Protein backbone atom coordinates (compact mmCIF):
# COMPACT_ATOMS: atom_id res chain seq x y z
CA UNK A 1 25.16 -210.80 -92.87
CA UNK A 2 25.08 -207.27 -91.46
CA UNK A 3 24.90 -206.28 -95.22
CA UNK A 4 21.74 -208.26 -95.97
CA UNK A 5 19.95 -206.71 -92.91
CA UNK A 6 20.91 -203.67 -94.32
CA UNK A 7 19.51 -203.95 -97.88
CA UNK A 8 16.62 -205.70 -96.28
CA UNK A 9 15.64 -202.31 -94.11
CA UNK A 10 16.37 -200.12 -96.96
CA UNK A 11 13.71 -202.37 -99.22
CA UNK A 12 11.25 -202.07 -96.63
CA UNK A 13 11.76 -198.10 -96.73
CA UNK A 14 11.20 -197.88 -100.14
CA UNK A 15 8.54 -200.04 -100.92
CA UNK A 16 5.09 -200.14 -99.29
CA UNK A 17 3.42 -203.61 -98.08
CA UNK A 18 0.60 -204.56 -101.37
CA UNK A 19 -1.65 -204.11 -98.19
CA UNK A 20 -0.68 -200.25 -97.81
CA UNK A 21 -1.68 -199.26 -101.36
CA UNK A 22 -4.23 -197.11 -101.99
CA UNK A 23 -6.43 -197.27 -104.99
CA UNK A 24 -6.50 -193.50 -106.62
CA UNK A 25 -9.69 -191.74 -105.80
CA UNK A 26 -12.33 -191.86 -108.47
CA UNK A 27 -12.20 -188.58 -110.50
CA UNK A 28 -15.54 -186.30 -110.40
CA UNK A 29 -17.63 -187.00 -113.77
CA UNK A 30 -16.17 -184.54 -116.45
CA UNK A 31 -18.85 -181.59 -117.31
CA UNK A 32 -20.40 -182.16 -120.60
CA UNK A 33 -18.76 -179.66 -123.17
CA UNK A 34 -22.84 -178.17 -123.33
CA UNK A 35 -21.86 -177.31 -119.52
CA UNK A 36 -18.68 -176.14 -120.65
CA UNK A 37 -19.60 -173.60 -123.21
CA UNK A 38 -22.44 -172.85 -120.97
CA UNK A 39 -20.31 -171.45 -118.29
CA UNK A 40 -18.27 -169.37 -120.92
CA UNK A 41 -21.39 -167.90 -122.27
CA UNK A 42 -22.84 -167.32 -118.48
CA UNK A 43 -18.96 -165.55 -117.93
CA UNK A 44 -19.58 -163.32 -121.00
CA UNK A 45 -22.84 -162.17 -120.46
CA UNK A 46 -24.39 -162.83 -117.39
CA UNK A 47 -21.86 -162.76 -114.38
CA UNK A 48 -22.07 -158.58 -114.56
CA UNK A 49 -25.23 -158.92 -112.96
CA UNK A 50 -25.91 -162.31 -111.61
CA UNK A 51 -22.68 -162.29 -109.89
CA UNK A 52 -19.55 -165.29 -110.26
CA UNK A 53 -21.82 -166.77 -107.17
CA UNK A 54 -25.23 -167.01 -109.19
CA UNK A 55 -26.80 -165.01 -106.20
CA UNK A 56 -27.58 -161.71 -107.68
CA UNK A 57 -27.83 -157.93 -106.11
CA UNK A 58 -30.34 -157.52 -103.89
CA UNK A 59 -32.99 -155.48 -104.98
CA UNK A 60 -31.80 -155.03 -108.74
CA UNK A 61 -30.99 -158.12 -110.11
CA UNK A 62 -32.50 -161.55 -109.16
CA UNK A 63 -30.25 -164.87 -107.96
CA UNK A 64 -29.99 -167.92 -109.46
CA UNK A 65 -29.24 -170.05 -107.04
CA UNK A 66 -31.98 -172.10 -105.78
CA UNK A 67 -34.61 -170.48 -107.07
CA UNK A 68 -37.82 -171.43 -108.15
CA UNK A 69 -37.75 -168.92 -111.43
CA UNK A 70 -34.44 -171.11 -112.38
CA UNK A 71 -35.17 -174.73 -111.07
CA UNK A 72 -39.15 -174.39 -111.91
CA UNK A 73 -41.09 -174.12 -115.58
CA UNK A 74 -38.50 -174.29 -117.87
CA UNK A 75 -40.57 -172.26 -120.73
CA UNK A 76 -40.86 -169.53 -118.03
CA UNK A 77 -37.03 -169.58 -117.98
CA UNK A 78 -36.54 -169.73 -121.86
CA UNK A 79 -38.74 -167.02 -122.20
CA UNK A 80 -36.60 -164.90 -120.19
CA UNK A 81 -33.71 -164.80 -122.12
CA UNK A 82 -35.80 -164.80 -125.32
CA UNK A 83 -37.61 -161.29 -124.43
CA UNK A 84 -35.89 -160.07 -121.33
CA UNK A 85 -37.66 -159.22 -118.36
CA UNK A 86 -38.45 -156.18 -116.21
CA UNK A 87 -39.34 -156.23 -112.42
CA UNK A 88 -39.61 -159.52 -111.12
CA UNK A 89 -40.44 -161.21 -107.63
CA UNK A 90 -39.02 -164.16 -107.12
CA UNK A 91 -38.51 -166.37 -103.95
CA UNK A 92 -40.52 -163.14 -102.18
CA UNK A 93 -38.00 -160.56 -102.88
CA UNK A 94 -38.68 -158.36 -105.57
CA UNK A 95 -36.38 -157.23 -108.04
CA UNK A 96 -36.07 -154.12 -109.94
CA UNK A 97 -33.71 -154.15 -112.61
CA UNK A 98 -33.90 -154.60 -116.18
CA UNK A 99 -32.98 -157.83 -118.04
CA UNK A 100 -32.88 -156.91 -122.05
CA UNK A 101 -33.56 -160.01 -124.33
CA UNK A 102 -30.62 -161.88 -125.36
CA UNK A 103 -32.14 -163.14 -128.18
CA UNK A 104 -28.56 -162.88 -130.41
CA UNK A 105 -27.63 -165.74 -128.73
CA UNK A 106 -28.86 -168.87 -130.90
CA UNK A 107 -30.41 -172.05 -129.55
CA UNK A 108 -27.93 -173.83 -128.84
CA UNK A 109 -26.05 -171.21 -126.84
CA UNK A 110 -29.61 -170.54 -124.61
CA UNK A 111 -30.34 -174.02 -124.11
CA UNK A 112 -26.38 -174.35 -123.00
CA UNK A 113 -26.10 -171.26 -120.55
CA UNK A 114 -29.49 -171.92 -119.19
CA UNK A 115 -28.05 -176.24 -118.76
CA UNK A 116 -25.30 -174.42 -116.57
CA UNK A 117 -27.51 -172.42 -114.73
CA UNK A 118 -29.71 -175.16 -113.53
CA UNK A 119 -26.76 -177.11 -112.58
CA UNK A 120 -24.77 -174.43 -110.61
CA UNK A 121 -24.62 -172.10 -108.13
CA UNK A 122 -25.82 -175.26 -105.67
CA UNK A 123 -28.67 -175.91 -108.50
CA UNK A 124 -29.61 -179.19 -110.06
CA UNK A 125 -32.18 -179.82 -112.19
CA UNK A 126 -32.49 -180.89 -115.94
CA UNK A 127 -31.14 -179.62 -119.04
CA UNK A 128 -32.47 -177.40 -121.24
CA UNK A 129 -32.33 -178.68 -124.84
CA UNK A 130 -32.52 -176.89 -128.20
CA UNK A 131 -35.98 -178.15 -128.90
CA UNK A 132 -37.54 -176.69 -125.58
CA UNK A 133 -35.66 -173.30 -127.33
CA UNK A 134 -37.02 -173.75 -130.27
CA UNK A 135 -40.30 -174.17 -129.16
CA UNK A 136 -40.36 -171.08 -127.13
CA UNK A 137 -38.77 -168.81 -129.80
CA UNK A 138 -41.42 -170.54 -132.51
CA UNK A 139 -44.58 -169.48 -130.12
CA UNK A 140 -43.37 -166.14 -129.06
CA UNK A 141 -44.44 -166.88 -125.55
CA UNK A 142 -44.25 -163.39 -123.40
């Protein structure tokens, strides 16, 4: 009988009751392939000036985190990559750095990196599409 109680005690230590079992926590949705590609493009071409946290460099390179410029008008944002930008006021602060045109990026790369930026650094905004990039390039908007 003693062996029976010892065995029962060991079993109770090695197996949790059914009500104590927990379901696995739901996983966060995986980033889309475009966002992952956008992050790689950002790391290669944008990080040096706009920094890993997207906060830029005071007075030189504007932040990408929670700014009207990033979260607002998509054609204006696309235009910055297509044509570059020199001197700009963003959210009441002036930035004097020069951003060269990134027109060597193809339409898909531009859409991916801008979608990444619009959904990183605390931002949450709609994706930039290849069609929107093509429209800005075709319009030669400056």
